[in-house]
């Protein structure tokens, strides 16, 4: 598995990936396919604008395996923390250890830097909450719609 910086030529892939992350939610909406696509395009652009504005030095990378684009990861490193802004893997590559490997690499980097690793998770995303809890992240702040989860080097969840 490799990472490479995102470029303008990745927009089509990145949007298709974003669409895949919202497929379950969109299946519940009684809109036409065009309405769903227009809505998701707006959400996709809003997310990108938000991350670029709030985290201008963050690294946005394409995840590659077997010479195929399989996901993306967006990471901000700053004084006091490493922030995982977003991670998304194509559905056919999920549950294959890709996300775990990427987060474990970040945990190793956090250990080396002596910094906490943080990530915000939507409270309705039960699969993501379980995933991060399995990797020893704990909720450190609750914002009703999402929680801030944190992993600290050398601290197990029972050390509290």
C-alpha atoms as a PDB file:
ATOM      1  CA  UNK A   1       0.000   0.000   0.000  1.00  0.00           C
ATOM      2  CA  UNK A   2       1.312   3.418  -0.977  1.00  0.00           C
ATOM      3  CA  UNK A   3       0.292   7.045  -0.579  1.00  0.00           C
ATOM      4  CA  UNK A   4       0.744   9.871  -3.034  1.00  0.00           C
ATOM      5  CA  UNK A   5      -0.371  13.501  -2.857  1.00  0.00           C
ATOM      6  CA  UNK A   6      -3.782  14.351  -4.297  1.00  0.00           C
ATOM      7  CA  UNK A   7      -3.749  16.278  -7.578  1.00  0.00           C
ATOM      8  CA  UNK A   8      -6.422  18.033  -9.638  1.00  0.00           C
ATOM      9  CA  UNK A   9      -6.634  14.961 -11.871  1.00  0.00           C
ATOM     10  CA  UNK A  10      -7.977  12.981  -8.874  1.00  0.00           C
ATOM     11  CA  UNK A  11     -11.254  14.913  -8.607  1.00  0.00           C
ATOM     12  CA  UNK A  12     -13.372  12.310 -10.416  1.00  0.00           C
ATOM     13  CA  UNK A  13     -12.026   9.495  -8.224  1.00  0.00           C
ATOM     14  CA  UNK A  14     -12.369  11.553  -5.035  1.00  0.00           C
ATOM     15  CA  UNK A  15     -15.989  12.396  -5.791  1.00  0.00           C
ATOM     16  CA  UNK A  16     -16.835   8.750  -6.598  1.00  0.00           C
ATOM     17  CA  UNK A  17     -15.167   7.740  -3.327  1.00  0.00           C
ATOM     18  CA  UNK A  18     -17.134  10.407  -1.426  1.00  0.00           C
ATOM     19  CA  UNK A  19     -20.357   9.174  -3.078  1.00  0.00           C
ATOM     20  CA  UNK A  20     -19.577   5.648  -1.898  1.00  0.00           C
ATOM     21  CA  UNK A  21     -19.269   6.862   1.698  1.00  0.00           C
ATOM     22  CA  UNK A  22     -22.765   8.344   1.541  1.00  0.00           C
ATOM     23  CA  UNK A  23     -24.510   5.546  -0.424  1.00  0.00           C
ATOM     24  CA  UNK A  24     -26.416   4.058   2.516  1.00  0.00           C
ATOM     25  CA  UNK A  25     -27.663   7.475   3.568  1.00  0.00           C
ATOM     26  CA  UNK A  26     -28.655   8.449   0.012  1.00  0.00           C
ATOM     27  CA  UNK A  27     -30.588   5.194  -0.446  1.00  0.00           C
ATOM     28  CA  UNK A  28     -33.025   6.478   2.197  1.00  0.00           C
ATOM     29  CA  UNK A  29     -33.714   9.781   0.435  1.00  0.00           C
ATOM     30  CA  UNK A  30     -36.590  10.031  -2.017  1.00  0.00           C
ATOM     31  CA  UNK A  31     -34.735  12.204  -4.527  1.00  0.00           C
ATOM     32  CA  UNK A  32     -33.894  11.603  -8.160  1.00  0.00           C
ATOM     33  CA  UNK A  33     -30.373  10.431  -8.997  1.00  0.00           C
ATOM     34  CA  UNK A  34     -29.622  13.933 -10.335  1.00  0.00           C
ATOM     35  CA  UNK A  35     -30.814  15.543  -7.090  1.00  0.00           C
ATOM     36  CA  UNK A  36     -28.692  13.149  -5.041  1.00  0.00           C
ATOM     37  CA  UNK A  37     -25.635  13.807  -7.201  1.00  0.00           C
ATOM     38  CA  UNK A  38     -26.120  17.603  -6.998  1.00  0.00           C
ATOM     39  CA  UNK A  39     -26.518  17.408  -3.217  1.00  0.00           C
ATOM     40  CA  UNK A  40     -23.421  15.237  -2.842  1.00  0.00           C
ATOM     41  CA  UNK A  41     -21.359  17.506  -5.107  1.00  0.00           C
ATOM     42  CA  UNK A  42     -22.245  20.430  -2.858  1.00  0.00           C
ATOM     43  CA  UNK A  43     -21.368  18.455   0.270  1.00  0.00           C
ATOM     44  CA  UNK A  44     -18.113  17.240  -1.287  1.00  0.00           C
ATOM     45  CA  UNK A  45     -17.041  20.783  -2.179  1.00  0.00           C
ATOM     46  CA  UNK A  46     -18.101  22.119   1.232  1.00  0.00           C
ATOM     47  CA  UNK A  47     -16.002  19.474   2.987  1.00  0.00           C
ATOM     48  CA  UNK A  48     -12.966  20.205   0.828  1.00  0.00           C
ATOM     49  CA  UNK A  49     -13.314  23.972   1.345  1.00  0.00           C
ATOM     50  CA  UNK A  50     -13.678  23.493   5.106  1.00  0.00           C
ATOM     51  CA  UNK A  51     -10.577  21.293   5.419  1.00  0.00           C
ATOM     52  CA  UNK A  52      -8.432  23.507   3.179  1.00  0.00           C
ATOM     53  CA  UNK A  53      -9.527  26.615   5.108  1.00  0.00           C
ATOM     54  CA  UNK A  54      -9.192  25.234   8.642  1.00  0.00           C
ATOM     55  CA  UNK A  55      -6.173  22.987   7.987  1.00  0.00           C
ATOM     56  CA  UNK A  56      -4.171  24.685   5.209  1.00  0.00           C
ATOM     57  CA  UNK A  57      -1.019  22.616   5.859  1.00  0.00           C
ATOM     58  CA  UNK A  58      -2.781  19.241   5.958  1.00  0.00           C
ATOM     59  CA  UNK A  59      -1.633  16.470   3.637  1.00  0.00           C
ATOM     60  CA  UNK A  60      -4.311  14.950   1.417  1.00  0.00           C
ATOM     61  CA  UNK A  61      -3.223  11.665  -0.129  1.00  0.00           C
ATOM     62  CA  UNK A  62      -4.543   8.963  -2.413  1.00  0.00           C
ATOM     63  CA  UNK A  63      -4.250   5.428  -1.038  1.00  0.00           C
ATOM     64  CA  UNK A  64      -2.964   2.980  -3.650  1.00  0.00           C
ATOM     65  CA  UNK A  65      -2.890  -0.822  -3.558  1.00  0.00           C
ATOM     66  CA  UNK A  66      -2.195  -3.199  -6.442  1.00  0.00           C
ATOM     67  CA  UNK A  67      -1.709  -0.140  -8.707  1.00  0.00           C
ATOM     68  CA  UNK A  68      -5.304   0.909  -8.012  1.00  0.00           C
ATOM     69  CA  UNK A  69      -6.673   3.999  -6.266  1.00  0.00           C
ATOM     70  CA  UNK A  70      -8.537   2.533  -3.301  1.00  0.00           C
ATOM     71  CA  UNK A  71      -9.047   5.449  -0.938  1.00  0.00           C
ATOM     72  CA  UNK A  72      -7.892   8.710   0.514  1.00  0.00           C
ATOM     73  CA  UNK A  73      -6.491   9.970   3.774  1.00  0.00           C
ATOM     74  CA  UNK A  74      -6.263  13.584   4.954  1.00  0.00           C
ATOM     75  CA  UNK A  75      -3.905  14.325   7.865  1.00  0.00           C
ATOM     76  CA  UNK A  76      -2.966  17.518   9.692  1.00  0.00           C
ATOM     77  CA  UNK A  77       0.179  17.612  11.801  1.00  0.00           C
ATOM     78  CA  UNK A  78       0.507  20.576  14.118  1.00  0.00           C
ATOM     79  CA  UNK A  79       1.934  21.487  17.474  1.00  0.00           C
ATOM     80  CA  UNK A  80       0.176  19.403  20.086  1.00  0.00           C
ATOM     81  CA  UNK A  81      -1.555  16.792  17.914  1.00  0.00           C
ATOM     82  CA  UNK A  82      -1.831  14.739  14.788  1.00  0.00           C
ATOM     83  CA  UNK A  83      -5.365  15.113  13.419  1.00  0.00           C
ATOM     84  CA  UNK A  84      -6.865  12.524  11.102  1.00  0.00           C
ATOM     85  CA  UNK A  85      -9.284  14.718   9.190  1.00  0.00           C
ATOM     86  CA  UNK A  86     -10.698  12.044   6.945  1.00  0.00           C
ATOM     87  CA  UNK A  87     -10.115   8.531   5.787  1.00  0.00           C
ATOM     88  CA  UNK A  88     -12.206   6.767   3.150  1.00  0.00           C
ATOM     89  CA  UNK A  89     -11.711   3.403   1.479  1.00  0.00           C
ATOM     90  CA  UNK A  90     -13.665   2.051  -1.491  1.00  0.00           C
ATOM     91  CA  UNK A  91     -16.294  -0.476  -0.363  1.00  0.00           C
ATOM     92  CA  UNK A  92     -14.641  -3.445  -2.105  1.00  0.00           C
ATOM     93  CA  UNK A  93     -11.437  -2.762  -0.125  1.00  0.00           C
ATOM     94  CA  UNK A  94     -13.120  -2.306   3.242  1.00  0.00           C
ATOM     95  CA  UNK A  95     -12.680  -4.974   5.915  1.00  0.00           C
ATOM     96  CA  UNK A  96      -9.378  -5.967   4.310  1.00  0.00           C
ATOM     97  CA  UNK A  97      -7.135  -4.276   6.888  1.00  0.00           C
ATOM     98  CA  UNK A  98      -6.394  -1.145   4.841  1.00  0.00           C
ATOM     99  CA  UNK A  99      -7.923   1.340   7.281  1.00  0.00           C
ATOM    100  CA  UNK A 100      -6.395  -0.456  10.252  1.00  0.00           C
ATOM    101  CA  UNK A 101      -2.940  -0.356   8.637  1.00  0.00           C
ATOM    102  CA  UNK A 102      -3.253   3.362   7.869  1.00  0.00           C
ATOM    103  CA  UNK A 103      -4.389   4.248  11.394  1.00  0.00           C
ATOM    104  CA  UNK A 104      -1.703   2.041  12.954  1.00  0.00           C
ATOM    105  CA  UNK A 105       0.911   3.910  10.867  1.00  0.00           C
ATOM    106  CA  UNK A 106      -0.453   7.165  12.285  1.00  0.00           C
ATOM    107  CA  UNK A 107      -0.359   5.699  15.803  1.00  0.00           C
ATOM    108  CA  UNK A 108       3.306   4.823  15.265  1.00  0.00           C
ATOM    109  CA  UNK A 109       4.005   8.374  14.065  1.00  0.00           C
ATOM    110  CA  UNK A 110       2.136   9.761  17.083  1.00  0.00           C
ATOM    111  CA  UNK A 111       4.223   7.559  19.369  1.00  0.00           C
ATOM    112  CA  UNK A 112       7.455   8.772  17.763  1.00  0.00           C
ATOM    113  CA  UNK A 113       6.329  12.411  18.058  1.00  0.00           C
ATOM    114  CA  UNK A 114       4.891  11.989  21.558  1.00  0.00           C
ATOM    115  CA  UNK A 115       1.586  13.479  20.378  1.00  0.00           C
ATOM    116  CA  UNK A 116      -2.047  12.422  20.638  1.00  0.00           C
ATOM    117  CA  UNK A 117      -3.807  11.248  17.492  1.00  0.00           C
ATOM    118  CA  UNK A 118      -7.307  12.724  17.170  1.00  0.00           C
ATOM    119  CA  UNK A 119     -10.232  12.124  14.854  1.00  0.00           C
ATOM    120  CA  UNK A 120     -13.819  13.382  14.742  1.00  0.00           C
ATOM    121  CA  UNK A 121     -16.526  10.753  14.148  1.00  0.00           C
ATOM    122  CA  UNK A 122     -20.208  11.317  13.428  1.00  0.00           C
ATOM    123  CA  UNK A 123     -22.274   9.856  16.274  1.00  0.00           C
ATOM    124  CA  UNK A 124     -24.519   7.948  13.858  1.00  0.00           C
ATOM    125  CA  UNK A 125     -21.553   6.168  12.266  1.00  0.00           C
ATOM    126  CA  UNK A 126     -21.563   3.128  14.564  1.00  0.00           C
ATOM    127  CA  UNK A 127     -19.127   1.164  12.389  1.00  0.00           C
ATOM    128  CA  UNK A 128     -16.535   3.960  12.590  1.00  0.00           C
ATOM    129  CA  UNK A 129     -17.014   4.357  16.332  1.00  0.00           C
ATOM    130  CA  UNK A 130     -16.407   0.613  16.841  1.00  0.00           C
ATOM    131  CA  UNK A 131     -13.416   0.713  14.477  1.00  0.00           C
ATOM    132  CA  UNK A 132     -11.663   3.484  16.432  1.00  0.00           C
ATOM    133  CA  UNK A 133     -12.568   1.972  19.802  1.00  0.00           C
ATOM    134  CA  UNK A 134     -11.007  -1.303  18.636  1.00  0.00           C
ATOM    135  CA  UNK A 135      -7.830   0.696  17.949  1.00  0.00           C
ATOM    136  CA  UNK A 136      -7.908   2.097  21.524  1.00  0.00           C
ATOM    137  CA  UNK A 137      -9.330   5.534  20.730  1.00  0.00           C
ATOM    138  CA  UNK A 138     -11.499   7.053  23.452  1.00  0.00           C
ATOM    139  CA  UNK A 139     -14.102   9.799  23.280  1.00  0.00           C
ATOM    140  CA  UNK A 140     -12.673  12.991  24.765  1.00  0.00           C
ATOM    141  CA  UNK A 141     -15.374  15.434  23.716  1.00  0.00           C
ATOM    142  CA  UNK A 142     -19.024  15.065  22.680  1.00  0.00           C
ATOM    143  CA  UNK A 143     -20.528  17.637  20.308  1.00  0.00           C
ATOM    144  CA  UNK A 144     -23.944  15.908  19.963  1.00  0.00           C
ATOM    145  CA  UNK A 145     -23.639  15.310  16.203  1.00  0.00           C
ATOM    146  CA  UNK A 146     -20.055  14.043  16.424  1.00  0.00           C
ATOM    147  CA  UNK A 147     -17.449  13.056  18.959  1.00  0.00           C
ATOM    148  CA  UNK A 148     -13.765  13.855  19.154  1.00  0.00           C
ATOM    149  CA  UNK A 149     -11.845  10.641  19.680  1.00  0.00           C
ATOM    150  CA  UNK A 150      -8.241  10.473  20.798  1.00  0.00           C
ATOM    151  CA  UNK A 151      -5.485   7.914  20.974  1.00  0.00           C
ATOM    152  CA  UNK A 152      -2.516   8.646  23.193  1.00  0.00           C
ATOM    153  CA  UNK A 153       0.827   6.876  22.908  1.00  0.00           C
ATOM    154  CA  UNK A 154       1.474   4.621  25.889  1.00  0.00           C
ATOM    155  CA  UNK A 155      -1.973   5.140  27.415  1.00  0.00           C
ATOM    156  CA  UNK A 156      -4.425   2.271  27.376  1.00  0.00           C
ATOM    157  CA  UNK A 157      -8.151   3.025  27.627  1.00  0.00           C
ATOM    158  CA  UNK A 158      -8.235   1.504  31.125  1.00  0.00           C
ATOM    159  CA  UNK A 159      -5.525   3.911  32.389  1.00  0.00           C
ATOM    160  CA  UNK A 160      -8.223   6.651  32.209  1.00  0.00           C
END
